[in-house]
Each structure stands twice: as C-alpha cells, then as structure tokens.
Amino acid sequence: MKPNLKPLRDQVIVITGAGSGIGAATARMAAGRGAKVVLAGRQQETLSKVVEDILREGGTAVSVVADVGIQEDHERILAEAIERYGRVDTWVNNAGISIYGTLEQVPIADQRKLFETDYWGVVYGCMTAVRHMKSSGGAIINVGSEVSDRAVPLQGAYSAAKHAVKGYTDALRMELQEQDAPISVTLIKPASIATGFTVHARNYMDAQPDLPPPIYAAEMVAEAILHAARHPVRDLYVGGASRAIAALGQNMPGIADRMAAWLFRRQRGPARAGQGTDSLYEAGGEHPAVQRSGRRHSVYTHMAMHQRATVVTTVALAGGAALWLLRGRR
C-alpha cells in the first residue's frame, strides 16, 4: 500500500532532539508551514524557547521533556500528541550526540550511552510510530549522517551508531513494505551541519572539536526532512559532500581510507580543549569548540528532492572528491 502523505498544513509532526540544531530548525519550519508540532527533548528550557518562538509567529506547538534512550518516554511523547492533536502523521527521530576521541580513548560506558541515544532512541521511536501508524499511515524519518555510509576517525562510536541506524532503517522499510503497511520510511544523511554538535559532544582530544568542511546550515536538513514528510523517498543526502563521501567510500574505499590523515586534522580545532561539560549523560552541557556558519544551498540536494539527481552527478561528485583529496595531500 503506497503511503498517502498529507500536506504539511494538515500534519501533526513529532520531532525528537527538538530543543536546538536540526530539530529546532525543523520544528520552526514545519510550524511556519502550518503543521502542528510536538517537540521532544531532555531540557525544558530550550524546548520552551522554541515553542515560544513558534507561538509568537502564529504556529501550533507543544513540548514534552523526554529522554529518547528511555523506551517508556516515547509512549509519553505519543500520548501527548494524541491528547493535544488526536494523532501523529510524521515521526522524526533526530536526537543524537557524539564523542570525539580515538576508540582506545573512549570508555566503553560512554560508547554504550551514545548508542542508547543515537541507535536505541531511533529504534524506540520507530516502534512507537509503527504501532500508531499501521492503520492510519504516515512517515517515519530517521536522521542518520554521511557517516552512515562511511566511517570517520575520532568519531568511531558515532560512526558505528549511524551505521546501525542505516541498517535498522533499511530493514524496517523492507518489513513494512512486505506487510503492505502505509508507512514511508526515510533516512536523512546530512554532511557537516552548523549546529551545537561539537560543543555538546564529549571530547577526549587535547584540542577543541571541529567539523570537516564543507559545512551546511541546519535549515537545509529541515527542508529535506519536510520534503520526506510529504513525499515517500528512500533516503536523502543533505549536501553534495555527503553524497560524494558515500560514493567515494562505496566505489573507491582505498582512496577513502587515505582521507584519515585529513580527517584527523580537520576535526581538531586550533585551540587546546578547555574546561566545560557535555550533553552525553545530561542535557545542557557545553564546552569550548569551534563553531562555524553553514552554507544554505546545495545544488545536489535540490536536484535530489526534485528527482533530478542522476548517476552521472553522483559519479562526478565522487570523482571530484577523490581529486580534491589527492591534491590536498600534496
């Protein structure tokens, strides 16, 4: 059964990790286009600020304080959405956290905690949404990463979790198709995004965390998410860099492996790591990290959302990435 997705103005949308970054940008954009939005996150203060912004602009929104790593909290999110708006049409699993450091440096306990948020949070959200949408239909949108396809050093646990999210999303999609369930399942794969990602991540390096360029704006990811809320699509890469890295890793893995030295350099900021906290275990933590502005447009992503991204474009991106890498190593 083909999912029949509603216009945004007729949708109720749940967004996890909605207090900042991609989640907040998506909530504001969705509400601005008429959707009723349910924001979920661990920190009441940041959620309330986003809800206030939405209400001030004439939108409709409510917040739920919840930890996606706790299965029962997803039931509370769903219950709030049904009580307020009667249903959920789109469920966006966006919440995530990272850790910077080599896999030898990062304690296993921290890696397990990351998986509780980045992987199990997606699983719990999907299962809650599937039970609700089996009869009514809707869209499940999981926010993965460019590292869903190609791992990076210094964020090994994060890469592993995003690989797991991709595998889970693909399996869920096939199972729902076999059951003829009217549910669209989409994986969003952003490149580096200008959010608080680095300042909230746990850091075991002796330098401030940084993001490898190019860096894109959170609003670009929000556009992709809302496109998937209206149009059944398997996956969407946000930023040509994301698609290029995936294609390079899949088709020229040896060359992609040679990116390691460049990635080590570009994920280490110019200053030494400073004092502070992080958001791995508790919301609201911040520490010094490089913060950058992001590009607000990607030709590749625009073409993909309008079904004009071709194999030729993908190969060209991968070839360009390889040439750029080899030139940069000289």
C-alpha atoms as a PDB file:
ATOM      1  CA  MET A   1       0.000   0.000   0.000  1.00  0.00           C
ATOM      2  CA  LYS A   2       1.537   3.291  -1.068  1.00  0.00           C
ATOM      3  CA  PRO A   3       1.759   5.796   1.783  1.00  0.00           C
ATOM      4  CA  ASN A   4      -0.593   8.716   1.288  1.00  0.00           C
ATOM      5  CA  LEU A   5       1.242  11.576   2.968  1.00  0.00           C
ATOM      6  CA  LYS A   6      -0.651  14.738   3.803  1.00  0.00           C
ATOM      7  CA  PRO A   7       0.271  18.346   3.044  1.00  0.00           C
ATOM      8  CA  LEU A   8       2.261  19.886   5.899  1.00  0.00           C
ATOM      9  CA  ARG A   9      -0.623  22.160   6.890  1.00  0.00           C
ATOM     10  CA  ASP A  10      -2.672  19.036   7.721  1.00  0.00           C
ATOM     11  CA  GLN A  11       0.040  17.159   9.619  1.00  0.00           C
ATOM     12  CA  VAL A  12       0.917  16.506  13.247  1.00  0.00           C
ATOM     13  CA  ILE A  13       4.706  16.054  13.439  1.00  0.00           C
ATOM     14  CA  VAL A  14       6.755  14.647  16.334  1.00  0.00           C
ATOM     15  CA  ILE A  15      10.409  15.740  16.400  1.00  0.00           C
ATOM     16  CA  THR A  16      12.919  14.407  18.916  1.00  0.00           C
ATOM     17  CA  GLY A  17      16.028  16.376  19.822  1.00  0.00           C
ATOM     18  CA  ALA A  18      13.950  19.474  19.082  1.00  0.00           C
ATOM     19  CA  GLY A  19      15.482  21.882  21.581  1.00  0.00           C
ATOM     20  CA  SER A  20      18.304  23.002  19.297  1.00  0.00           C
ATOM     21  CA  GLY A  21      20.076  22.460  15.999  1.00  0.00           C
ATOM     22  CA  ILE A  22      18.378  20.439  13.282  1.00  0.00           C
ATOM     23  CA  GLY A  23      15.400  19.565  15.474  1.00  0.00           C
ATOM     24  CA  ALA A  24      14.632  23.168  16.383  1.00  0.00           C
ATOM     25  CA  ALA A  25      15.098  24.329  12.782  1.00  0.00           C
ATOM     26  CA  THR A  26      12.718  21.612  11.576  1.00  0.00           C
ATOM     27  CA  ALA A  27      10.115  22.436  14.217  1.00  0.00           C
ATOM     28  CA  ARG A  28      10.140  26.140  13.353  1.00  0.00           C
ATOM     29  CA  MET A  29       9.969  25.470   9.621  1.00  0.00           C
ATOM     30  CA  ALA A  30       7.189  22.887   9.939  1.00  0.00           C
ATOM     31  CA  ALA A  31       5.100  25.123  12.173  1.00  0.00           C
ATOM     32  CA  GLY A  32       5.679  28.046   9.827  1.00  0.00           C
ATOM     33  CA  ARG A  33       4.134  25.951   7.049  1.00  0.00           C
ATOM     34  CA  GLY A  34       1.063  25.065   9.075  1.00  0.00           C
ATOM     35  CA  ALA A  35       1.937  21.780  10.782  1.00  0.00           C
ATOM     36  CA  LYS A  36       1.125  21.073  14.415  1.00  0.00           C
ATOM     37  CA  VAL A  37       4.431  20.206  16.047  1.00  0.00           C
ATOM     38  CA  VAL A  38       5.279  18.105  19.114  1.00  0.00           C
ATOM     39  CA  LEU A  39       8.812  18.864  20.298  1.00  0.00           C
ATOM     40  CA  ALA A  40      10.649  16.326  22.456  1.00  0.00           C
ATOM     41  CA  GLY A  41      13.971  16.746  24.243  1.00  0.00           C
ATOM     42  CA  ARG A  42      15.718  16.466  27.577  1.00  0.00           C
ATOM     43  CA  GLN A  43      15.835  20.150  28.545  1.00  0.00           C
ATOM     44  CA  GLN A  44      12.638  22.084  29.293  1.00  0.00           C
ATOM     45  CA  GLU A  45      14.267  25.496  28.957  1.00  0.00           C
ATOM     46  CA  THR A  46      15.419  25.035  25.369  1.00  0.00           C
ATOM     47  CA  LEU A  47      12.169  23.337  24.301  1.00  0.00           C
ATOM     48  CA  SER A  48      10.113  26.158  25.815  1.00  0.00           C
ATOM     49  CA  LYS A  49      12.150  28.744  23.934  1.00  0.00           C
ATOM     50  CA  VAL A  50      11.450  27.058  20.589  1.00  0.00           C
ATOM     51  CA  VAL A  51       7.745  26.640  21.420  1.00  0.00           C
ATOM     52  CA  GLU A  52       7.516  30.318  22.394  1.00  0.00           C
ATOM     53  CA  ASP A  53       9.103  31.320  19.084  1.00  0.00           C
ATOM     54  CA  ILE A  54       6.606  29.180  17.180  1.00  0.00           C
ATOM     55  CA  LEU A  55       3.596  30.505  19.075  1.00  0.00           C
ATOM     56  CA  ARG A  56       4.772  34.076  18.618  1.00  0.00           C
ATOM     57  CA  GLU A  57       4.811  33.526  14.864  1.00  0.00           C
ATOM     58  CA  GLY A  58       1.278  32.134  14.927  1.00  0.00           C
ATOM     59  CA  GLY A  59       2.191  28.436  14.807  1.00  0.00           C
ATOM     60  CA  THR A  60       0.976  25.489  16.887  1.00  0.00           C
ATOM     61  CA  ALA A  61       3.359  23.536  19.092  1.00  0.00           C
ATOM     62  CA  VAL A  62       3.707  21.697  22.376  1.00  0.00           C
ATOM     63  CA  SER A  63       6.759  20.256  24.120  1.00  0.00           C
ATOM     64  CA  VAL A  64       7.465  17.050  26.047  1.00  0.00           C
ATOM     65  CA  VAL A  65      10.520  16.593  28.243  1.00  0.00           C
ATOM     66  CA  ALA A  66      11.784  13.132  27.351  1.00  0.00           C
ATOM     67  CA  ASP A  67      14.967  11.090  27.010  1.00  0.00           C
ATOM     68  CA  VAL A  68      14.921   9.075  23.779  1.00  0.00           C
ATOM     69  CA  GLY A  69      17.184   6.487  25.391  1.00  0.00           C
ATOM     70  CA  ILE A  70      14.269   5.503  27.670  1.00  0.00           C
ATOM     71  CA  GLN A  71      11.668   3.412  25.850  1.00  0.00           C
ATOM     72  CA  GLU A  72       8.752   4.493  28.038  1.00  0.00           C
ATOM     73  CA  ASP A  73       9.398   8.155  27.258  1.00  0.00           C
ATOM     74  CA  HIS A  74       8.353   7.557  23.650  1.00  0.00           C
ATOM     75  CA  GLU A  75       4.961   6.399  24.845  1.00  0.00           C
ATOM     76  CA  ARG A  76       4.622   9.670  26.750  1.00  0.00           C
ATOM     77  CA  ILE A  77       5.507  11.629  23.611  1.00  0.00           C
ATOM     78  CA  LEU A  78       2.857   9.762  21.627  1.00  0.00           C
ATOM     79  CA  ALA A  79       0.274  10.152  24.396  1.00  0.00           C
ATOM     80  CA  GLU A  80       0.842  13.925  24.497  1.00  0.00           C
ATOM     81  CA  ALA A  81       0.499  14.184  20.720  1.00  0.00           C
ATOM     82  CA  ILE A  82      -2.756  12.217  20.721  1.00  0.00           C
ATOM     83  CA  GLU A  83      -4.171  14.145  23.675  1.00  0.00           C
ATOM     84  CA  ARG A  84      -3.400  17.504  22.071  1.00  0.00           C
ATOM     85  CA  TYR A  85      -3.935  16.809  18.391  1.00  0.00           C
ATOM     86  CA  GLY A  86      -5.527  13.369  18.068  1.00  0.00           C
ATOM     87  CA  ARG A  87      -2.834  11.625  16.001  1.00  0.00           C
ATOM     88  CA  VAL A  88       0.711  11.647  14.595  1.00  0.00           C
ATOM     89  CA  ASP A  89       1.315  11.824  10.841  1.00  0.00           C
ATOM     90  CA  THR A  90       5.115  12.122  10.782  1.00  0.00           C
ATOM     91  CA  TRP A  91       7.638  10.980  13.408  1.00  0.00           C
ATOM     92  CA  VAL A  92      11.167  12.399  13.122  1.00  0.00           C
ATOM     93  CA  ASN A  93      13.902  10.571  15.070  1.00  0.00           C
ATOM     94  CA  ASN A  94      16.525  13.298  15.224  1.00  0.00           C
ATOM     95  CA  ALA A  95      18.086  13.248  18.706  1.00  0.00           C
ATOM     96  CA  GLY A  96      21.802  12.475  18.730  1.00  0.00           C
ATOM     97  CA  ILE A  97      25.121  13.064  20.461  1.00  0.00           C
ATOM     98  CA  SER A  98      28.745  12.385  19.550  1.00  0.00           C
ATOM     99  CA  ILE A  99      32.080  11.661  21.218  1.00  0.00           C
ATOM    100  CA  TYR A 100      35.461  12.893  19.945  1.00  0.00           C
ATOM    101  CA  GLY A 101      38.496  10.723  20.577  1.00  0.00           C
ATOM    102  CA  THR A 102      40.074   7.508  19.366  1.00  0.00           C
ATOM    103  CA  LEU A 103      38.257   4.258  20.072  1.00  0.00           C
ATOM    104  CA  GLU A 104      41.030   3.341  22.508  1.00  0.00           C
ATOM    105  CA  GLN A 105      40.471   6.577  24.433  1.00  0.00           C
ATOM    106  CA  VAL A 106      36.688   6.462  24.708  1.00  0.00           C
ATOM    107  CA  PRO A 107      35.442   4.318  27.626  1.00  0.00           C
ATOM    108  CA  ILE A 108      33.020   1.531  26.764  1.00  0.00           C
ATOM    109  CA  ALA A 109      30.448   3.027  29.163  1.00  0.00           C
ATOM    110  CA  ASP A 110      30.419   6.226  27.120  1.00  0.00           C
ATOM    111  CA  GLN A 111      30.070   4.312  23.867  1.00  0.00           C
ATOM    112  CA  ARG A 112      27.114   2.382  25.312  1.00  0.00           C
ATOM    113  CA  LYS A 113      25.474   5.631  26.413  1.00  0.00           C
ATOM    114  CA  LEU A 114      25.925   7.088  22.928  1.00  0.00           C
ATOM    115  CA  PHE A 115      24.195   4.030  21.463  1.00  0.00           C
ATOM    116  CA  GLU A 116      21.316   4.439  23.922  1.00  0.00           C
ATOM    117  CA  THR A 117      20.600   7.834  22.370  1.00  0.00           C
ATOM    118  CA  ASP A 118      21.748   7.559  18.764  1.00  0.00           C
ATOM    119  CA  TYR A 119      20.640   3.983  17.998  1.00  0.00           C
ATOM    120  CA  TRP A 120      18.152   2.764  20.603  1.00  0.00           C
ATOM    121  CA  GLY A 121      16.441   6.150  20.608  1.00  0.00           C
ATOM    122  CA  VAL A 122      15.713   5.609  16.911  1.00  0.00           C
ATOM    123  CA  VAL A 123      14.517   2.023  17.498  1.00  0.00           C
ATOM    124  CA  TYR A 124      12.139   3.040  20.294  1.00  0.00           C
ATOM    125  CA  GLY A 125      10.791   5.941  18.252  1.00  0.00           C
ATOM    126  CA  CYS A 126      10.239   3.783  15.176  1.00  0.00           C
ATOM    127  CA  MET A 127       8.417   1.062  17.095  1.00  0.00           C
ATOM    128  CA  THR A 128       6.150   3.602  18.772  1.00  0.00           C
ATOM    129  CA  ALA A 129       5.381   5.282  15.459  1.00  0.00           C
ATOM    130  CA  VAL A 130       4.796   1.983  13.625  1.00  0.00           C
ATOM    131  CA  ARG A 131       2.206   0.828  16.174  1.00  0.00           C
ATOM    132  CA  HIS A 132       0.372   4.116  15.815  1.00  0.00           C
ATOM    133  CA  MET A 133       0.614   4.408  12.020  1.00  0.00           C
ATOM    134  CA  LYS A 134      -0.115   0.809  10.985  1.00  0.00           C
ATOM    135  CA  SER A 135      -3.741   1.650  10.212  1.00  0.00           C
ATOM    136  CA  SER A 136      -3.692   5.395   9.610  1.00  0.00           C
ATOM    137  CA  GLY A 137      -0.411   5.649   7.687  1.00  0.00           C
ATOM    138  CA  GLY A 138       2.309   8.259   7.871  1.00  0.00           C
ATOM    139  CA  ALA A 139       6.034   8.910   7.582  1.00  0.00           C
ATOM    140  CA  ILE A 140       8.931   7.836   9.777  1.00  0.00           C
ATOM    141  CA  ILE A 141      12.052   9.912   9.186  1.00  0.00           C
ATOM    142  CA  ASN A 142      15.359   8.928  10.782  1.00  0.00           C
ATOM    143  CA  VAL A 143      18.244  11.372  10.812  1.00  0.00           C
ATOM    144  CA  GLY A 144      21.411   9.488  10.007  1.00  0.00           C
ATOM    145  CA  SER A 145      24.610  11.055   8.704  1.00  0.00           C
ATOM    146  CA  GLU A 146      27.176  10.950   5.965  1.00  0.00           C
ATOM    147  CA  VAL A 147      28.959   8.573   8.378  1.00  0.00           C
ATOM    148  CA  SER A 148      26.036   6.167   7.978  1.00  0.00           C
ATOM    149  CA  ASP A 149      27.840   5.137   4.773  1.00  0.00           C
ATOM    150  CA  ARG A 150      31.459   5.954   5.521  1.00  0.00           C
ATOM    151  CA  ALA A 151      33.037   5.945   8.991  1.00  0.00           C
ATOM    152  CA  VAL A 152      35.379   8.699  10.149  1.00  0.00           C
ATOM    153  CA  PRO A 153      38.216   8.504  12.681  1.00  0.00           C
ATOM    154  CA  LEU A 154      37.887  10.334  16.018  1.00  0.00           C
ATOM    155  CA  GLN A 155      34.126   9.732  15.961  1.00  0.00           C
ATOM    156  CA  GLY A 156      34.219   5.962  15.759  1.00  0.00           C
ATOM    157  CA  ALA A 157      31.342   5.236  18.153  1.00  0.00           C
ATOM    158  CA  TYR A 158      29.177   7.848  16.436  1.00  0.00           C
ATOM    159  CA  SER A 159      30.004   6.345  13.031  1.00  0.00           C
ATOM    160  CA  ALA A 160      29.130   2.876  14.301  1.00  0.00           C
ATOM    161  CA  ALA A 161      25.804   4.072  15.703  1.00  0.00           C
ATOM    162  CA  LYS A 162      24.877   5.819  12.460  1.00  0.00           C
ATOM    163  CA  HIS A 163      25.809   2.677  10.503  1.00  0.00           C
ATOM    164  CA  ALA A 164      23.457   0.785  12.824  1.00  0.00           C
ATOM    165  CA  VAL A 165      20.688   3.332  12.223  1.00  0.00           C
ATOM    166  CA  LYS A 166      21.049   2.833   8.479  1.00  0.00           C
ATOM    167  CA  GLY A 167      20.831  -0.951   8.805  1.00  0.00           C
ATOM    168  CA  TYR A 168      17.816  -0.735  11.090  1.00  0.00           C
ATOM    169  CA  THR A 169      16.052   1.773   8.844  1.00  0.00           C
ATOM    170  CA  ASP A 170      16.600  -0.328   5.715  1.00  0.00           C
ATOM    171  CA  ALA A 171      15.339  -3.499   7.440  1.00  0.00           C
ATOM    172  CA  LEU A 172      12.289  -1.735   8.856  1.00  0.00           C
ATOM    173  CA  ARG A 173      11.401  -0.314   5.450  1.00  0.00           C
ATOM    174  CA  MET A 174      11.530  -3.751   3.814  1.00  0.00           C
ATOM    175  CA  GLU A 175       9.455  -5.364   6.548  1.00  0.00           C
ATOM    176  CA  LEU A 176       6.764  -2.680   6.337  1.00  0.00           C
ATOM    177  CA  GLN A 177       6.684  -2.996   2.555  1.00  0.00           C
ATOM    178  CA  GLU A 178       6.204  -6.752   2.859  1.00  0.00           C
ATOM    179  CA  GLN A 179       3.322  -6.146   5.276  1.00  0.00           C
ATOM    180  CA  ASP A 180       1.832  -3.603   2.858  1.00  0.00           C
ATOM    181  CA  ALA A 181       1.813  -1.049   5.683  1.00  0.00           C
ATOM    182  CA  PRO A 182       1.016   2.525   4.556  1.00  0.00           C
ATOM    183  CA  ILE A 183       4.168   3.945   6.175  1.00  0.00           C
ATOM    184  CA  SER A 184       7.008   5.738   4.424  1.00  0.00           C
ATOM    185  CA  VAL A 185      10.471   5.225   5.955  1.00  0.00           C
ATOM    186  CA  THR A 186      13.228   7.691   5.072  1.00  0.00           C
ATOM    187  CA  LEU A 187      16.856   8.033   6.140  1.00  0.00           C
ATOM    188  CA  ILE A 188      18.313  11.560   6.018  1.00  0.00           C
ATOM    189  CA  LYS A 189      22.103  11.734   5.643  1.00  0.00           C
ATOM    190  CA  PRO A 190      23.463  15.209   6.390  1.00  0.00           C
ATOM    191  CA  ALA A 191      27.045  16.286   5.851  1.00  0.00           C
ATOM    192  CA  SER A 192      28.674  18.560   8.477  1.00  0.00           C
ATOM    193  CA  ILE A 193      25.969  20.868   9.826  1.00  0.00           C
ATOM    194  CA  ALA A 194      26.411  24.191  11.636  1.00  0.00           C
ATOM    195  CA  THR A 195      24.733  23.392  14.966  1.00  0.00           C
ATOM    196  CA  GLY A 196      25.858  22.906  18.565  1.00  0.00           C
ATOM    197  CA  PHE A 197      27.033  19.399  17.618  1.00  0.00           C
ATOM    198  CA  THR A 198      30.663  19.959  18.628  1.00  0.00           C
ATOM    199  CA  VAL A 199      30.018  21.940  21.814  1.00  0.00           C
ATOM    200  CA  HIS A 200      27.642  19.286  23.171  1.00  0.00           C
ATOM    201  CA  ALA A 201      29.812  16.284  22.234  1.00  0.00           C
ATOM    202  CA  ARG A 202      32.028  14.602  24.816  1.00  0.00           C
ATOM    203  CA  ASN A 203      35.649  15.336  23.981  1.00  0.00           C
ATOM    204  CA  TYR A 204      38.687  13.172  24.763  1.00  0.00           C
ATOM    205  CA  MET A 205      41.033  15.028  22.428  1.00  0.00           C
ATOM    206  CA  ASP A 206      43.552  17.605  23.623  1.00  0.00           C
ATOM    207  CA  ALA A 207      42.131  20.082  21.095  1.00  0.00           C
ATOM    208  CA  GLN A 208      38.740  21.690  20.631  1.00  0.00           C
ATOM    209  CA  PRO A 209      36.458  19.651  18.324  1.00  0.00           C
ATOM    210  CA  ASP A 210      35.819  20.915  14.820  1.00  0.00           C
ATOM    211  CA  LEU A 211      33.779  19.792  11.809  1.00  0.00           C
ATOM    212  CA  PRO A 212      35.353  18.925   8.456  1.00  0.00           C
ATOM    213  CA  PRO A 213      34.227  21.228   5.642  1.00  0.00           C
ATOM    214  CA  PRO A 214      32.078  21.930   3.768  1.00  0.00           C
ATOM    215  CA  ILE A 215      29.536  22.846   6.438  1.00  0.00           C
ATOM    216  CA  TYR A 216      25.847  23.383   5.726  1.00  0.00           C
ATOM    217  CA  ALA A 217      23.040  25.197   7.562  1.00  0.00           C
ATOM    218  CA  ALA A 218      20.553  23.300   9.735  1.00  0.00           C
ATOM    219  CA  GLU A 219      17.718  24.690   7.620  1.00  0.00           C
ATOM    220  CA  MET A 220      18.915  22.575   4.697  1.00  0.00           C
ATOM    221  CA  VAL A 221      18.355  19.419   6.752  1.00  0.00           C
ATOM    222  CA  ALA A 222      14.955  20.743   7.846  1.00  0.00           C
ATOM    223  CA  GLU A 223      13.974  21.203   4.196  1.00  0.00           C
ATOM    224  CA  ALA A 224      14.965  17.600   3.438  1.00  0.00           C
ATOM    225  CA  ILE A 225      13.039  16.269   6.441  1.00  0.00           C
ATOM    226  CA  LEU A 226       9.885  18.161   5.475  1.00  0.00           C
ATOM    227  CA  HIS A 227      10.250  17.009   1.885  1.00  0.00           C
ATOM    228  CA  ALA A 228      10.263  13.407   3.159  1.00  0.00           C
ATOM    229  CA  ALA A 229       7.222  14.169   5.306  1.00  0.00           C
ATOM    230  CA  ARG A 230       5.291  14.961   2.118  1.00  0.00           C
ATOM    231  CA  HIS A 231       6.904  12.636  -0.428  1.00  0.00           C
ATOM    232  CA  PRO A 232       7.768   8.941   0.138  1.00  0.00           C
ATOM    233  CA  VAL A 233      11.500   8.751  -0.505  1.00  0.00           C
ATOM    234  CA  ARG A 234      14.046   6.098   0.479  1.00  0.00           C
ATOM    235  CA  ASP A 235      16.864   8.409   1.571  1.00  0.00           C
ATOM    236  CA  LEU A 236      18.144  11.939   1.083  1.00  0.00           C
ATOM    237  CA  TYR A 237      21.710  13.234   1.286  1.00  0.00           C
ATOM    238  CA  VAL A 238      21.963  16.796   2.577  1.00  0.00           C
ATOM    239  CA  GLY A 239      24.875  18.497   0.887  1.00  0.00           C
ATOM    240  CA  GLY A 240      26.754  17.280  -2.155  1.00  0.00           C
ATOM    241  CA  ALA A 241      29.676  16.482   0.156  1.00  0.00           C
ATOM    242  CA  SER A 242      27.615  13.821   1.914  1.00  0.00           C
ATOM    243  CA  ARG A 243      26.763  12.074  -1.345  1.00  0.00           C
ATOM    244  CA  ALA A 244      30.333  12.379  -2.580  1.00  0.00           C
ATOM    245  CA  ILE A 245      31.793  10.828   0.576  1.00  0.00           C
ATOM    246  CA  ALA A 246      29.292   7.961   0.385  1.00  0.00           C
ATOM    247  CA  ALA A 247      30.047   7.324  -3.294  1.00  0.00           C
ATOM    248  CA  LEU A 248      33.781   7.541  -2.689  1.00  0.00           C
ATOM    249  CA  GLY A 249      33.594   5.090   0.200  1.00  0.00           C
ATOM    250  CA  GLN A 250      31.443   2.641  -1.735  1.00  0.00           C
ATOM    251  CA  ASN A 251      33.304   2.773  -5.040  1.00  0.00           C
ATOM    252  CA  MET A 252      36.875   3.724  -4.098  1.00  0.00           C
ATOM    253  CA  PRO A 253      37.305   2.604  -0.473  1.00  0.00           C
ATOM    254  CA  GLY A 254      41.101   2.566  -0.659  1.00  0.00           C
ATOM    255  CA  ILE A 255      41.191   6.209  -1.658  1.00  0.00           C
ATOM    256  CA  ALA A 256      38.606   6.980   1.018  1.00  0.00           C
ATOM    257  CA  ASP A 257      40.854   5.343   3.617  1.00  0.00           C
ATOM    258  CA  ARG A 258      43.541   7.843   2.680  1.00  0.00           C
ATOM    259  CA  MET A 259      41.264  10.608   3.959  1.00  0.00           C
ATOM    260  CA  ALA A 260      42.124   9.555   7.512  1.00  0.00           C
ATOM    261  CA  ALA A 261      45.017  11.983   7.967  1.00  0.00           C
ATOM    262  CA  TRP A 262      42.961  14.879   6.583  1.00  0.00           C
ATOM    263  CA  LEU A 263      40.025  13.956   8.836  1.00  0.00           C
ATOM    264  CA  PHE A 264      42.289  13.771  11.887  1.00  0.00           C
ATOM    265  CA  ARG A 265      43.488  17.305  11.160  1.00  0.00           C
ATOM    266  CA  ARG A 266      40.130  18.836  10.278  1.00  0.00           C
ATOM    267  CA  GLN A 267      38.321  17.522  13.363  1.00  0.00           C
ATOM    268  CA  ARG A 268      40.871  19.115  15.683  1.00  0.00           C
ATOM    269  CA  GLY A 269      40.381  22.830  16.239  1.00  0.00           C
ATOM    270  CA  PRO A 270      43.197  25.374  16.512  1.00  0.00           C
ATOM    271  CA  ALA A 271      42.975  25.768  20.295  1.00  0.00           C
ATOM    272  CA  ARG A 272      43.524  23.368  23.148  1.00  0.00           C
ATOM    273  CA  ALA A 273      40.494  21.710  24.723  1.00  0.00           C
ATOM    274  CA  GLY A 274      39.041  23.844  27.500  1.00  0.00           C
ATOM    275  CA  GLN A 275      37.050  23.205  30.640  1.00  0.00           C
ATOM    276  CA  GLY A 276      33.344  22.543  30.494  1.00  0.00           C
ATOM    277  CA  THR A 277      30.754  19.796  30.374  1.00  0.00           C
ATOM    278  CA  ASP A 278      28.932  17.951  27.618  1.00  0.00           C
ATOM    279  CA  SER A 279      25.486  16.535  26.903  1.00  0.00           C
ATOM    280  CA  LEU A 280      26.246  12.815  26.746  1.00  0.00           C
ATOM    281  CA  TYR A 281      24.615  11.953  30.071  1.00  0.00           C
ATOM    282  CA  GLU A 282      22.816  15.181  31.000  1.00  0.00           C
ATOM    283  CA  ALA A 283      21.257  17.821  28.769  1.00  0.00           C
ATOM    284  CA  GLY A 284      22.632  21.333  28.605  1.00  0.00           C
ATOM    285  CA  GLY A 285      26.352  20.695  28.834  1.00  0.00           C
ATOM    286  CA  GLU A 286      28.738  22.773  26.742  1.00  0.00           C
ATOM    287  CA  HIS A 287      32.477  23.161  26.357  1.00  0.00           C
ATOM    288  CA  PRO A 288      34.722  25.212  24.063  1.00  0.00           C
ATOM    289  CA  ALA A 289      34.632  24.042  20.454  1.00  0.00           C
ATOM    290  CA  VAL A 290      34.968  25.552  17.012  1.00  0.00           C
ATOM    291  CA  GLN A 291      31.642  26.885  15.736  1.00  0.00           C
ATOM    292  CA  ARG A 292      31.089  27.825  12.111  1.00  0.00           C
ATOM    293  CA  SER A 293      28.351  29.199   9.881  1.00  0.00           C
ATOM    294  CA  GLY A 294      26.884  26.956   7.203  1.00  0.00           C
ATOM    295  CA  ARG A 295      26.018  27.062   3.540  1.00  0.00           C
ATOM    296  CA  ARG A 296      22.326  27.462   2.871  1.00  0.00           C
ATOM    297  CA  HIS A 297      22.143  25.766  -0.522  1.00  0.00           C
ATOM    298  CA  SER A 298      23.290  22.569  -2.210  1.00  0.00           C
ATOM    299  CA  VAL A 299      22.710  22.002  -5.907  1.00  0.00           C
ATOM    300  CA  TYR A 300      22.872  18.235  -5.401  1.00  0.00           C
ATOM    301  CA  THR A 301      20.274  18.187  -2.597  1.00  0.00           C
ATOM    302  CA  HIS A 302      17.962  20.490  -4.548  1.00  0.00           C
ATOM    303  CA  MET A 303      18.190  18.165  -7.539  1.00  0.00           C
ATOM    304  CA  ALA A 304      17.628  15.081  -5.384  1.00  0.00           C
ATOM    305  CA  MET A 305      14.456  16.495  -3.853  1.00  0.00           C
ATOM    306  CA  HIS A 306      13.205  17.285  -7.334  1.00  0.00           C
ATOM    307  CA  GLN A 307      14.192  13.828  -8.644  1.00  0.00           C
ATOM    308  CA  ARG A 308      16.854  15.124 -10.987  1.00  0.00           C
ATOM    309  CA  ALA A 309      19.943  13.759  -9.238  1.00  0.00           C
ATOM    310  CA  THR A 310      21.497  11.246 -11.609  1.00  0.00           C
ATOM    311  CA  VAL A 311      24.142   8.547 -11.505  1.00  0.00           C
ATOM    312  CA  VAL A 312      26.325  10.831 -13.604  1.00  0.00           C
ATOM    313  CA  THR A 313      26.044  13.569 -10.959  1.00  0.00           C
ATOM    314  CA  THR A 314      26.953  11.131  -8.202  1.00  0.00           C
ATOM    315  CA  VAL A 315      29.981   9.788 -10.070  1.00  0.00           C
ATOM    316  CA  ALA A 316      31.104  13.343 -10.818  1.00  0.00           C
ATOM    317  CA  LEU A 317      30.865  14.233  -7.125  1.00  0.00           C
ATOM    318  CA  ALA A 318      32.842  11.152  -6.108  1.00  0.00           C
ATOM    319  CA  GLY A 319      35.489  11.859  -8.741  1.00  0.00           C
ATOM    320  CA  GLY A 320      35.734  15.464  -7.644  1.00  0.00           C
ATOM    321  CA  ALA A 321      36.114  14.415  -4.014  1.00  0.00           C
ATOM    322  CA  ALA A 322      38.895  11.995  -4.938  1.00  0.00           C
ATOM    323  CA  LEU A 323      40.783  14.614  -6.956  1.00  0.00           C
ATOM    324  CA  TRP A 324      40.354  17.183  -4.200  1.00  0.00           C
ATOM    325  CA  LEU A 325      41.640  14.697  -1.629  1.00  0.00           C
ATOM    326  CA  LEU A 326      44.685  13.742  -3.659  1.00  0.00           C
ATOM    327  CA  ARG A 327      45.507  17.388  -4.414  1.00  0.00           C
ATOM    328  CA  GLY A 328      45.126  18.303  -0.738  1.00  0.00           C
ATOM    329  CA  ARG A 329      47.653  15.633   0.322  1.00  0.00           C
ATOM    330  CA  ARG A 330      50.449  17.091  -1.794  1.00  0.00           C
END
